[in-house]
N, C-alpha and C. Protein backbone atom coordinates (compact mmCIF):
# COMPACT_ATOMS: atom_id res chain seq x y z
N MET A 1 82.38 85.02 108.64
CA MET A 1 80.98 84.70 108.48
C MET A 1 80.47 83.88 109.67
N HIS A 2 81.32 82.96 110.14
CA HIS A 2 80.93 82.11 111.27
C HIS A 2 80.64 82.96 112.50
N HIS A 3 81.48 83.95 112.76
CA HIS A 3 81.26 84.80 113.93
C HIS A 3 79.98 85.62 113.79
N ILE A 4 79.74 86.18 112.62
CA ILE A 4 78.53 86.97 112.43
C ILE A 4 77.29 86.11 112.63
N ALA A 5 77.33 84.88 112.09
CA ALA A 5 76.22 83.96 112.29
C ALA A 5 76.03 83.63 113.77
N GLN A 6 77.15 83.42 114.48
CA GLN A 6 77.08 83.12 115.91
C GLN A 6 76.47 84.28 116.69
N LEU A 7 76.90 85.47 116.38
CA LEU A 7 76.38 86.65 117.09
C LEU A 7 74.90 86.87 116.80
N GLU A 8 74.48 86.54 115.59
CA GLU A 8 73.09 86.71 115.21
C GLU A 8 72.16 85.80 116.01
N VAL A 9 72.59 84.57 116.25
CA VAL A 9 71.73 83.61 116.96
C VAL A 9 71.95 83.62 118.47
N GLY A 10 72.95 84.38 118.93
CA GLY A 10 73.26 84.46 120.36
C GLY A 10 74.38 83.52 120.72
N SER A 11 75.49 84.08 121.14
CA SER A 11 76.68 83.27 121.41
C SER A 11 77.51 83.93 122.49
N PRO A 12 78.25 83.14 123.29
CA PRO A 12 79.13 83.71 124.31
C PRO A 12 80.29 84.51 123.72
N ILE A 13 80.53 84.42 122.40
CA ILE A 13 81.62 85.22 121.84
C ILE A 13 81.31 86.71 121.89
N ASP A 14 80.06 87.06 122.15
CA ASP A 14 79.69 88.48 122.26
C ASP A 14 80.54 89.18 123.31
N ALA A 15 80.87 88.48 124.40
CA ALA A 15 81.69 89.09 125.47
C ALA A 15 83.07 89.46 124.94
N ALA A 16 83.62 88.63 124.05
CA ALA A 16 84.93 88.92 123.47
C ALA A 16 84.87 90.14 122.57
N TYR A 17 83.79 90.27 121.81
CA TYR A 17 83.65 91.43 120.94
C TYR A 17 83.49 92.72 121.74
N GLN A 18 82.92 92.63 122.91
CA GLN A 18 82.74 93.82 123.74
C GLN A 18 84.07 94.40 124.21
N ILE A 19 85.09 93.55 124.37
CA ILE A 19 86.39 94.03 124.88
C ILE A 19 87.48 94.04 123.82
N ALA A 20 87.19 93.52 122.62
CA ALA A 20 88.22 93.43 121.59
C ALA A 20 88.69 94.82 121.16
N GLN A 21 89.99 94.99 121.02
CA GLN A 21 90.54 96.26 120.55
C GLN A 21 90.68 96.28 119.03
N VAL A 22 90.81 95.11 118.42
CA VAL A 22 90.93 95.02 116.97
C VAL A 22 90.06 93.84 116.50
N VAL A 23 89.24 94.08 115.48
CA VAL A 23 88.42 93.03 114.87
C VAL A 23 88.73 93.02 113.38
N VAL A 24 89.03 91.85 112.82
CA VAL A 24 89.37 91.77 111.41
C VAL A 24 88.38 90.85 110.69
N ALA A 25 88.33 91.00 109.36
CA ALA A 25 87.44 90.17 108.53
C ALA A 25 88.23 88.98 108.00
N ASP A 26 87.77 87.77 108.34
CA ASP A 26 88.49 86.55 107.99
C ASP A 26 87.87 85.81 106.82
N GLY A 27 86.85 86.36 106.19
CA GLY A 27 86.21 85.65 105.09
C GLY A 27 85.75 86.61 104.01
N TRP A 28 85.76 86.14 102.75
CA TRP A 28 85.37 87.01 101.65
C TRP A 28 83.92 87.47 101.72
N PRO A 29 82.96 86.66 102.20
CA PRO A 29 81.61 87.19 102.31
C PRO A 29 81.53 88.42 103.23
N VAL A 30 82.33 88.42 104.28
CA VAL A 30 82.34 89.56 105.21
C VAL A 30 82.99 90.77 104.54
N VAL A 31 84.08 90.54 103.83
CA VAL A 31 84.75 91.64 103.13
C VAL A 31 83.81 92.27 102.11
N ARG A 32 83.11 91.44 101.35
CA ARG A 32 82.20 91.96 100.32
C ARG A 32 81.02 92.69 100.93
N LEU A 33 80.51 92.18 102.05
CA LEU A 33 79.42 92.88 102.72
C LEU A 33 79.91 94.23 103.26
N ALA A 34 81.11 94.25 103.84
CA ALA A 34 81.66 95.51 104.36
C ALA A 34 81.82 96.54 103.24
N ARG A 35 82.30 96.11 102.10
CA ARG A 35 82.47 97.03 100.97
C ARG A 35 81.13 97.58 100.51
N ARG A 36 80.11 96.72 100.49
CA ARG A 36 78.79 97.18 100.08
C ARG A 36 78.23 98.19 101.07
N LEU A 37 78.64 98.07 102.32
CA LEU A 37 78.17 98.99 103.35
C LEU A 37 79.04 100.24 103.46
N GLY A 38 80.03 100.37 102.56
CA GLY A 38 80.83 101.59 102.53
C GLY A 38 82.15 101.51 103.26
N ASN A 39 82.53 100.32 103.74
CA ASN A 39 83.83 100.15 104.40
C ASN A 39 84.77 99.49 103.40
N PRO A 40 85.66 100.25 102.79
CA PRO A 40 86.46 99.72 101.68
C PRO A 40 87.63 98.85 102.15
N LEU A 41 87.34 97.69 102.71
CA LEU A 41 88.40 96.78 103.12
C LEU A 41 89.19 96.32 101.89
N ARG A 42 90.50 96.29 102.02
CA ARG A 42 91.34 95.86 100.90
C ARG A 42 91.28 94.36 100.71
N GLY A 43 91.02 93.63 101.76
CA GLY A 43 90.98 92.18 101.69
C GLY A 43 90.74 91.61 103.06
N ARG A 44 90.87 90.31 103.18
CA ARG A 44 90.62 89.68 104.47
C ARG A 44 91.91 89.48 105.23
N THR A 45 91.79 89.29 106.53
CA THR A 45 92.93 89.02 107.40
C THR A 45 92.63 87.71 108.13
N THR A 46 93.33 86.67 107.77
CA THR A 46 93.05 85.36 108.33
C THR A 46 93.84 85.10 109.61
N GLY A 47 93.33 84.18 110.41
CA GLY A 47 94.06 83.79 111.62
C GLY A 47 95.41 83.21 111.29
N SER A 48 95.46 82.38 110.25
CA SER A 48 96.74 81.78 109.85
C SER A 48 97.70 82.85 109.35
N GLY A 49 97.17 83.85 108.65
CA GLY A 49 98.02 84.94 108.18
C GLY A 49 98.60 85.75 109.32
N LEU A 50 97.78 86.02 110.33
CA LEU A 50 98.27 86.77 111.49
C LEU A 50 99.36 86.01 112.22
N VAL A 51 99.12 84.70 112.47
CA VAL A 51 100.11 83.92 113.20
C VAL A 51 101.40 83.79 112.39
N SER A 52 101.28 83.58 111.10
CA SER A 52 102.47 83.48 110.25
C SER A 52 103.26 84.77 110.27
N LEU A 53 102.55 85.91 110.20
CA LEU A 53 103.22 87.20 110.23
C LEU A 53 103.97 87.39 111.54
N VAL A 54 103.30 87.11 112.66
CA VAL A 54 103.92 87.29 113.96
C VAL A 54 105.08 86.33 114.16
N SER A 55 104.88 85.06 113.80
CA SER A 55 105.92 84.05 114.04
C SER A 55 107.16 84.29 113.20
N ASN A 56 107.01 84.96 112.07
CA ASN A 56 108.16 85.25 111.21
C ASN A 56 108.87 86.54 111.59
N CYS A 57 108.31 87.29 112.53
CA CYS A 57 108.97 88.50 112.99
C CYS A 57 110.21 88.14 113.83
N VAL A 58 111.32 88.76 113.53
CA VAL A 58 112.54 88.54 114.30
C VAL A 58 112.52 89.49 115.49
N VAL A 59 112.53 88.93 116.70
CA VAL A 59 112.44 89.74 117.91
C VAL A 59 113.59 89.38 118.85
N ASP A 60 113.69 90.11 119.93
CA ASP A 60 114.76 89.86 120.90
C ASP A 60 114.15 89.59 122.26
N GLY A 61 113.70 88.35 122.46
CA GLY A 61 113.23 87.96 123.78
C GLY A 61 111.78 88.28 124.08
N ARG A 62 110.99 88.61 123.07
CA ARG A 62 109.55 88.76 123.32
C ARG A 62 108.97 87.41 123.71
N ARG A 63 107.90 87.44 124.52
CA ARG A 63 107.37 86.21 125.09
C ARG A 63 106.00 85.88 124.50
N ALA A 64 105.85 84.65 124.00
CA ALA A 64 104.59 84.22 123.40
C ALA A 64 104.12 82.93 124.07
N PHE A 65 102.85 82.94 124.51
CA PHE A 65 102.24 81.75 125.10
C PHE A 65 101.25 81.19 124.08
N ILE A 66 101.46 79.95 123.66
CA ILE A 66 100.64 79.32 122.62
C ILE A 66 99.68 78.33 123.27
N ILE A 67 98.39 78.51 122.99
CA ILE A 67 97.35 77.63 123.53
C ILE A 67 96.63 76.96 122.37
N GLY A 68 96.63 75.62 122.36
CA GLY A 68 95.84 74.91 121.37
C GLY A 68 96.64 74.34 120.23
N GLY A 69 95.98 74.27 119.06
CA GLY A 69 96.45 73.48 117.95
C GLY A 69 95.67 72.18 117.95
N SER A 70 95.48 71.59 116.78
CA SER A 70 94.68 70.37 116.72
C SER A 70 95.40 69.18 117.35
N THR A 71 96.72 69.26 117.43
CA THR A 71 97.52 68.23 118.09
C THR A 71 98.60 68.91 118.93
N GLU A 72 99.17 68.16 119.86
CA GLU A 72 100.26 68.72 120.66
C GLU A 72 101.43 69.11 119.79
N SER A 73 101.69 68.33 118.75
CA SER A 73 102.85 68.62 117.90
C SER A 73 102.70 69.94 117.17
N SER A 74 101.46 70.37 116.87
CA SER A 74 101.26 71.65 116.18
C SER A 74 101.81 72.80 117.01
N GLY A 75 101.45 72.81 118.30
CA GLY A 75 101.94 73.87 119.18
C GLY A 75 103.46 73.84 119.30
N ARG A 76 104.03 72.65 119.41
CA ARG A 76 105.49 72.54 119.53
C ARG A 76 106.18 73.02 118.26
N MET A 77 105.61 72.67 117.10
CA MET A 77 106.21 73.10 115.84
C MET A 77 106.20 74.62 115.70
N LEU A 78 105.06 75.22 116.09
CA LEU A 78 104.98 76.68 116.01
C LEU A 78 105.95 77.32 117.00
N ALA A 79 106.04 76.75 118.20
CA ALA A 79 106.96 77.29 119.21
C ALA A 79 108.40 77.23 118.72
N GLU A 80 108.78 76.13 118.10
CA GLU A 80 110.14 75.99 117.58
C GLU A 80 110.41 77.03 116.49
N LYS A 81 109.43 77.23 115.63
CA LYS A 81 109.58 78.23 114.57
C LYS A 81 109.77 79.62 115.16
N MET A 82 109.00 79.94 116.20
CA MET A 82 109.09 81.27 116.81
C MET A 82 110.40 81.42 117.59
N ARG A 83 110.84 80.35 118.25
CA ARG A 83 112.10 80.44 118.99
C ARG A 83 113.27 80.71 118.05
N ALA A 84 113.21 80.17 116.84
CA ALA A 84 114.27 80.42 115.87
C ALA A 84 114.35 81.90 115.49
N ASN A 85 113.26 82.64 115.71
CA ASN A 85 113.24 84.07 115.41
C ASN A 85 113.36 84.94 116.65
N GLY A 86 113.78 84.33 117.76
CA GLY A 86 114.08 85.12 118.96
C GLY A 86 112.99 85.18 120.00
N TRP A 87 111.87 84.50 119.76
CA TRP A 87 110.79 84.50 120.74
C TRP A 87 111.10 83.54 121.88
N LEU A 88 110.68 83.90 123.09
CA LEU A 88 110.62 82.96 124.20
C LEU A 88 109.21 82.42 124.23
N THR A 89 109.04 81.11 124.28
CA THR A 89 107.71 80.52 124.11
C THR A 89 107.35 79.56 125.24
N ALA A 90 106.05 79.46 125.48
CA ALA A 90 105.48 78.45 126.36
C ALA A 90 104.24 77.91 125.67
N ILE A 91 103.88 76.66 125.98
CA ILE A 91 102.78 76.00 125.27
C ILE A 91 101.87 75.29 126.25
N ASP A 92 100.57 75.33 125.96
CA ASP A 92 99.61 74.47 126.65
C ASP A 92 98.66 73.95 125.57
N TYR A 93 98.68 72.65 125.32
CA TYR A 93 97.85 72.06 124.27
C TYR A 93 96.37 72.30 124.55
N PHE A 94 95.95 72.22 125.81
CA PHE A 94 94.58 72.48 126.25
C PHE A 94 93.57 71.77 125.36
N PRO A 95 93.56 70.42 125.38
CA PRO A 95 92.65 69.67 124.51
C PRO A 95 91.19 69.91 124.86
N VAL A 96 90.30 69.42 124.00
CA VAL A 96 88.87 69.69 124.11
C VAL A 96 88.32 69.40 125.50
N GLY A 97 88.70 68.29 126.09
CA GLY A 97 88.17 67.93 127.40
C GLY A 97 88.58 68.86 128.52
N SER A 98 89.59 69.68 128.28
CA SER A 98 90.07 70.58 129.33
C SER A 98 89.12 71.73 129.61
N PHE A 99 88.25 72.05 128.62
CA PHE A 99 87.46 73.27 128.75
C PHE A 99 86.48 73.20 129.91
N GLY A 100 85.98 72.03 130.21
CA GLY A 100 85.04 71.91 131.32
C GLY A 100 85.68 71.58 132.65
N SER A 101 87.02 71.61 132.69
CA SER A 101 87.75 71.23 133.90
C SER A 101 88.28 72.46 134.62
N ALA A 102 87.83 72.66 135.85
CA ALA A 102 88.31 73.79 136.64
C ALA A 102 89.81 73.66 136.90
N ASP A 103 90.28 72.43 137.12
CA ASP A 103 91.71 72.22 137.37
C ASP A 103 92.55 72.61 136.17
N ALA A 104 92.06 72.24 134.96
CA ALA A 104 92.80 72.59 133.75
C ALA A 104 92.85 74.09 133.56
N HIS A 105 91.74 74.77 133.83
CA HIS A 105 91.71 76.23 133.73
C HIS A 105 92.69 76.85 134.72
N ASP A 106 92.65 76.41 135.96
CA ASP A 106 93.54 76.98 136.98
C ASP A 106 95.00 76.77 136.60
N ARG A 107 95.33 75.57 136.11
CA ARG A 107 96.71 75.30 135.70
C ARG A 107 97.13 76.24 134.58
N LEU A 108 96.24 76.41 133.59
CA LEU A 108 96.55 77.28 132.45
C LEU A 108 96.73 78.72 132.90
N PHE A 109 95.81 79.22 133.72
CA PHE A 109 95.88 80.61 134.14
C PHE A 109 97.14 80.88 134.97
N ARG A 110 97.50 79.94 135.85
CA ARG A 110 98.73 80.12 136.62
C ARG A 110 99.95 80.15 135.71
N ALA A 111 99.94 79.29 134.69
CA ALA A 111 101.07 79.25 133.76
C ALA A 111 101.19 80.55 132.98
N VAL A 112 100.06 81.10 132.52
CA VAL A 112 100.07 82.36 131.78
C VAL A 112 100.58 83.49 132.68
N GLU A 113 100.09 83.57 133.90
CA GLU A 113 100.53 84.64 134.80
C GLU A 113 102.02 84.54 135.12
N ARG A 114 102.50 83.32 135.33
CA ARG A 114 103.93 83.14 135.64
C ARG A 114 104.79 83.55 134.44
N PHE A 115 104.33 83.23 133.24
CA PHE A 115 105.12 83.49 132.04
C PHE A 115 105.13 84.96 131.66
N GLU A 116 104.08 85.69 132.01
CA GLU A 116 103.95 87.12 131.69
C GLU A 116 104.20 87.38 130.21
N PRO A 117 103.37 86.81 129.33
CA PRO A 117 103.62 86.92 127.89
C PRO A 117 103.33 88.30 127.33
N ASP A 118 104.05 88.63 126.27
CA ASP A 118 103.71 89.81 125.47
C ASP A 118 102.57 89.48 124.51
N LEU A 119 102.43 88.18 124.18
CA LEU A 119 101.43 87.74 123.23
C LEU A 119 100.89 86.37 123.64
N VAL A 120 99.57 86.23 123.59
CA VAL A 120 98.93 84.92 123.80
C VAL A 120 98.21 84.54 122.52
N ILE A 121 98.56 83.39 121.96
CA ILE A 121 97.93 82.88 120.74
C ILE A 121 96.99 81.76 121.14
N VAL A 122 95.68 81.92 120.85
CA VAL A 122 94.68 80.93 121.25
C VAL A 122 94.06 80.32 120.00
N GLY A 123 94.25 79.01 119.84
CA GLY A 123 93.73 78.34 118.66
C GLY A 123 92.99 77.07 119.03
N ILE A 124 91.83 77.22 119.68
CA ILE A 124 91.06 76.04 120.10
C ILE A 124 89.65 76.05 119.53
N GLY A 125 89.38 76.95 118.58
CA GLY A 125 88.08 76.97 117.91
C GLY A 125 87.04 77.82 118.61
N THR A 126 86.13 78.35 117.82
CA THR A 126 85.02 79.18 118.30
C THR A 126 83.90 78.27 118.82
N PRO A 127 83.26 78.62 119.95
CA PRO A 127 83.41 79.83 120.76
C PRO A 127 84.38 79.68 121.93
N ARG A 128 85.00 78.48 122.07
CA ARG A 128 85.83 78.25 123.26
C ARG A 128 86.99 79.23 123.34
N GLN A 129 87.64 79.51 122.20
CA GLN A 129 88.81 80.37 122.25
C GLN A 129 88.45 81.80 122.67
N GLU A 130 87.30 82.28 122.21
CA GLU A 130 86.89 83.63 122.61
C GLU A 130 86.51 83.69 124.08
N MET A 131 85.84 82.65 124.57
CA MET A 131 85.49 82.60 125.99
C MET A 131 86.75 82.56 126.84
N LEU A 132 87.73 81.76 126.40
CA LEU A 132 88.99 81.67 127.14
C LEU A 132 89.76 82.99 127.09
N ALA A 133 89.71 83.65 125.94
CA ALA A 133 90.41 84.93 125.79
C ALA A 133 89.87 85.97 126.76
N VAL A 134 88.54 85.98 126.95
CA VAL A 134 87.94 86.93 127.89
C VAL A 134 88.47 86.67 129.30
N GLU A 135 88.58 85.41 129.68
CA GLU A 135 89.09 85.09 131.01
C GLU A 135 90.57 85.45 131.14
N ILE A 136 91.35 85.17 130.12
CA ILE A 136 92.78 85.48 130.17
C ILE A 136 93.01 86.98 130.22
N SER A 137 92.12 87.75 129.58
CA SER A 137 92.30 89.21 129.54
C SER A 137 92.28 89.83 130.92
N SER A 138 91.69 89.14 131.89
CA SER A 138 91.63 89.69 133.25
C SER A 138 92.84 89.32 134.10
N LEU A 139 93.73 88.48 133.57
CA LEU A 139 94.88 88.04 134.33
C LEU A 139 95.97 89.10 134.33
N ARG A 140 96.80 89.06 135.33
CA ARG A 140 97.94 89.97 135.41
C ARG A 140 98.96 89.62 134.33
N GLY A 141 99.42 90.63 133.61
CA GLY A 141 100.49 90.44 132.63
C GLY A 141 100.11 89.54 131.48
N ASN A 142 98.90 89.72 130.92
CA ASN A 142 98.45 88.79 129.90
C ASN A 142 98.90 89.14 128.48
N GLY A 143 99.26 90.39 128.21
CA GLY A 143 99.70 90.79 126.88
C GLY A 143 98.57 90.81 125.86
N TRP A 144 98.93 90.95 124.58
CA TRP A 144 97.96 90.88 123.50
C TRP A 144 97.47 89.45 123.34
N ILE A 145 96.20 89.30 122.97
CA ILE A 145 95.62 87.97 122.78
C ILE A 145 95.07 87.87 121.36
N LEU A 146 95.51 86.85 120.63
CA LEU A 146 95.02 86.60 119.27
C LEU A 146 94.20 85.31 119.28
N CYS A 147 92.96 85.38 118.81
CA CYS A 147 92.13 84.19 118.62
C CYS A 147 92.23 83.80 117.15
N VAL A 148 92.80 82.62 116.88
CA VAL A 148 93.18 82.32 115.50
C VAL A 148 92.63 81.01 114.95
N GLY A 149 91.77 80.31 115.67
CA GLY A 149 91.20 79.07 115.16
C GLY A 149 92.27 78.07 114.77
N ALA A 150 92.22 77.62 113.52
CA ALA A 150 93.20 76.64 113.02
C ALA A 150 94.52 77.30 112.62
N GLY A 151 94.67 78.58 112.92
CA GLY A 151 95.89 79.30 112.54
C GLY A 151 97.15 78.71 113.11
N VAL A 152 97.07 78.09 114.29
CA VAL A 152 98.25 77.45 114.88
C VAL A 152 98.73 76.33 113.96
N ASP A 153 97.79 75.51 113.49
CA ASP A 153 98.16 74.40 112.61
C ASP A 153 98.75 74.90 111.30
N TYR A 154 98.12 75.90 110.70
CA TYR A 154 98.60 76.41 109.42
C TYR A 154 99.98 77.05 109.55
N ALA A 155 100.16 77.88 110.56
CA ALA A 155 101.44 78.57 110.74
C ALA A 155 102.55 77.60 111.09
N ALA A 156 102.19 76.52 111.78
CA ALA A 156 103.19 75.52 112.15
C ALA A 156 103.58 74.64 110.97
N GLY A 157 102.75 74.63 109.92
CA GLY A 157 103.00 73.77 108.78
C GLY A 157 102.39 72.39 108.93
N ALA A 158 101.56 72.21 109.98
CA ALA A 158 100.92 70.91 110.21
C ALA A 158 99.70 70.72 109.31
N ARG A 159 99.20 71.79 108.73
CA ARG A 159 98.04 71.72 107.85
C ARG A 159 98.27 72.71 106.71
N SER A 160 97.91 72.34 105.49
CA SER A 160 98.17 73.22 104.35
C SER A 160 96.92 74.01 103.97
N ARG A 161 97.12 75.26 103.59
CA ARG A 161 96.02 76.08 103.12
C ARG A 161 95.66 75.70 101.69
N SER A 162 94.54 76.23 101.23
CA SER A 162 94.09 75.94 99.87
C SER A 162 95.06 76.56 98.86
N PRO A 163 95.07 76.05 97.62
CA PRO A 163 95.89 76.68 96.57
C PRO A 163 95.52 78.16 96.40
N ILE A 164 96.49 78.93 95.97
CA ILE A 164 96.32 80.38 95.83
C ILE A 164 95.11 80.73 94.96
N ILE A 165 94.88 79.95 93.91
CA ILE A 165 93.76 80.26 93.01
C ILE A 165 92.43 80.19 93.75
N PHE A 166 92.27 79.23 94.67
CA PHE A 166 91.06 79.15 95.47
C PHE A 166 90.93 80.37 96.37
N GLN A 167 92.05 80.80 96.97
CA GLN A 167 92.01 81.96 97.86
C GLN A 167 91.63 83.22 97.09
N ARG A 168 92.20 83.41 95.90
CA ARG A 168 91.93 84.62 95.12
C ARG A 168 90.50 84.66 94.60
N LEU A 169 89.93 83.49 94.34
CA LEU A 169 88.55 83.43 93.85
C LEU A 169 87.53 83.42 94.98
N GLY A 170 88.00 83.46 96.24
CA GLY A 170 87.09 83.42 97.37
C GLY A 170 86.45 82.07 97.57
N LEU A 171 87.13 80.99 97.16
CA LEU A 171 86.57 79.65 97.23
C LEU A 171 87.31 78.76 98.22
N GLU A 172 88.03 79.37 99.14
CA GLU A 172 88.78 78.56 100.11
C GLU A 172 87.83 77.71 100.95
N TRP A 173 86.62 78.22 101.19
CA TRP A 173 85.64 77.46 101.97
C TRP A 173 85.31 76.14 101.29
N MET A 174 85.25 76.13 99.97
CA MET A 174 84.95 74.91 99.22
C MET A 174 86.08 73.89 99.39
N TYR A 175 87.30 74.37 99.30
CA TYR A 175 88.46 73.50 99.47
C TYR A 175 88.47 72.90 100.87
N ARG A 176 88.15 73.71 101.87
CA ARG A 176 88.17 73.22 103.25
C ARG A 176 87.06 72.19 103.49
N ILE A 177 85.90 72.40 102.88
CA ILE A 177 84.81 71.42 103.04
C ILE A 177 85.21 70.08 102.44
N VAL A 178 85.84 70.11 101.28
CA VAL A 178 86.28 68.87 100.64
C VAL A 178 87.30 68.15 101.52
N ARG A 179 88.19 68.93 102.16
CA ARG A 179 89.21 68.32 103.00
C ARG A 179 88.67 67.83 104.34
N GLU A 180 87.70 68.56 104.90
CA GLU A 180 87.17 68.22 106.23
C GLU A 180 85.64 68.27 106.24
N PRO A 181 84.98 67.42 105.47
CA PRO A 181 83.51 67.50 105.36
C PRO A 181 82.80 67.23 106.68
N ASN A 182 83.28 66.30 107.46
CA ASN A 182 82.59 65.96 108.71
C ASN A 182 82.58 67.12 109.70
N ARG A 183 83.65 67.91 109.68
CA ARG A 183 83.75 69.02 110.63
C ARG A 183 83.11 70.30 110.11
N LEU A 184 83.21 70.55 108.81
CA LEU A 184 82.87 71.87 108.29
C LEU A 184 81.57 71.97 107.52
N LEU A 185 81.12 70.91 106.88
CA LEU A 185 79.94 71.02 106.02
C LEU A 185 78.72 71.48 106.79
N LEU A 186 78.42 70.82 107.89
CA LEU A 186 77.24 71.19 108.67
C LEU A 186 77.39 72.58 109.25
N ARG A 187 78.60 72.94 109.67
CA ARG A 187 78.83 74.28 110.23
C ARG A 187 78.53 75.36 109.21
N TYR A 188 79.02 75.18 107.98
CA TYR A 188 78.77 76.17 106.94
C TYR A 188 77.29 76.26 106.60
N LEU A 189 76.62 75.11 106.56
CA LEU A 189 75.19 75.11 106.27
C LEU A 189 74.40 75.84 107.35
N ARG A 190 74.81 75.68 108.59
CA ARG A 190 74.13 76.39 109.69
C ARG A 190 74.39 77.88 109.66
N ASP A 191 75.58 78.27 109.17
CA ASP A 191 75.98 79.68 109.21
C ASP A 191 75.29 80.52 108.14
N VAL A 192 74.94 79.91 107.02
CA VAL A 192 74.43 80.68 105.89
C VAL A 192 73.14 81.44 106.21
N PRO A 193 72.09 80.80 106.76
CA PRO A 193 70.84 81.55 106.99
C PRO A 193 71.00 82.77 107.91
N PRO A 194 71.65 82.65 109.09
CA PRO A 194 71.78 83.86 109.92
C PRO A 194 72.66 84.92 109.28
N PHE A 195 73.70 84.52 108.54
CA PHE A 195 74.55 85.52 107.88
C PHE A 195 73.76 86.25 106.81
N VAL A 196 72.97 85.52 106.03
CA VAL A 196 72.14 86.16 105.00
C VAL A 196 71.14 87.12 105.63
N ALA A 197 70.59 86.73 106.79
CA ALA A 197 69.63 87.61 107.48
C ALA A 197 70.31 88.92 107.89
N VAL A 198 71.54 88.83 108.39
CA VAL A 198 72.28 90.03 108.78
C VAL A 198 72.58 90.88 107.55
N ALA A 199 73.01 90.24 106.47
CA ALA A 199 73.34 90.98 105.25
C ALA A 199 72.12 91.71 104.70
N ARG A 200 70.97 91.04 104.68
CA ARG A 200 69.75 91.67 104.17
C ARG A 200 69.33 92.84 105.05
N ARG A 201 69.40 92.65 106.35
CA ARG A 201 69.00 93.71 107.27
C ARG A 201 69.95 94.91 107.15
N SER A 202 71.24 94.62 106.99
CA SER A 202 72.25 95.67 106.93
C SER A 202 72.17 96.49 105.65
N THR A 203 71.77 95.83 104.56
CA THR A 203 71.74 96.51 103.26
C THR A 203 70.33 96.98 102.88
N SER A 204 69.39 96.79 103.75
CA SER A 204 68.02 97.18 103.45
C SER A 204 67.94 98.67 103.18
N GLY A 205 67.34 99.02 102.04
CA GLY A 205 67.17 100.43 101.69
C GLY A 205 68.32 101.02 100.93
N ARG A 206 69.44 100.23 100.79
CA ARG A 206 70.56 100.75 100.01
C ARG A 206 70.37 100.43 98.54
N SER A 207 70.89 101.26 97.71
CA SER A 207 70.78 101.02 96.26
C SER A 207 71.69 99.87 95.88
N LYS A 208 71.27 99.09 94.92
CA LYS A 208 72.06 97.95 94.47
C LYS A 208 73.15 98.40 93.51
């Protein structure tokens, strides 16, 4: 829902959508809208679910470059988990202040090119992660790129997801607001009007 709202009001993430090879629905409102529009999605695919799935895969020397996490320890914890399953890993915490630094960008890009990853996991939040993914996509030997938001924290075990009952009822957003009101309440309130506008425009003329 956040991405749809961002695209509706104009956002740099549009560039990422132009080159993305796979786009998934990360929220129940999007899944329900897609179903109403005739796309029978079975369910949502979360960033944390994707990272957990990948990190639990047993591989033989595949290379993963992890960018972000809310703390440095999150990236290290995820890297350790992946190494236990045969991944070769590299990490760059890339904190918030790094995004406006040309030196930080150059350091990161050189590290990614040297590592030649099969997979790049970017978890620094929208729209920064999508903007960074577009830049990384042009680098030599960049591999697949996953933009996963807080998925690094969840997959690492540094942050817990909502109880299963909240997830099944489509109320995970409520649980997250209660846990992180300062970060998420205003964001969700801003997202609702543009998302509703898209939903109304998309379903206009369809039978209820």
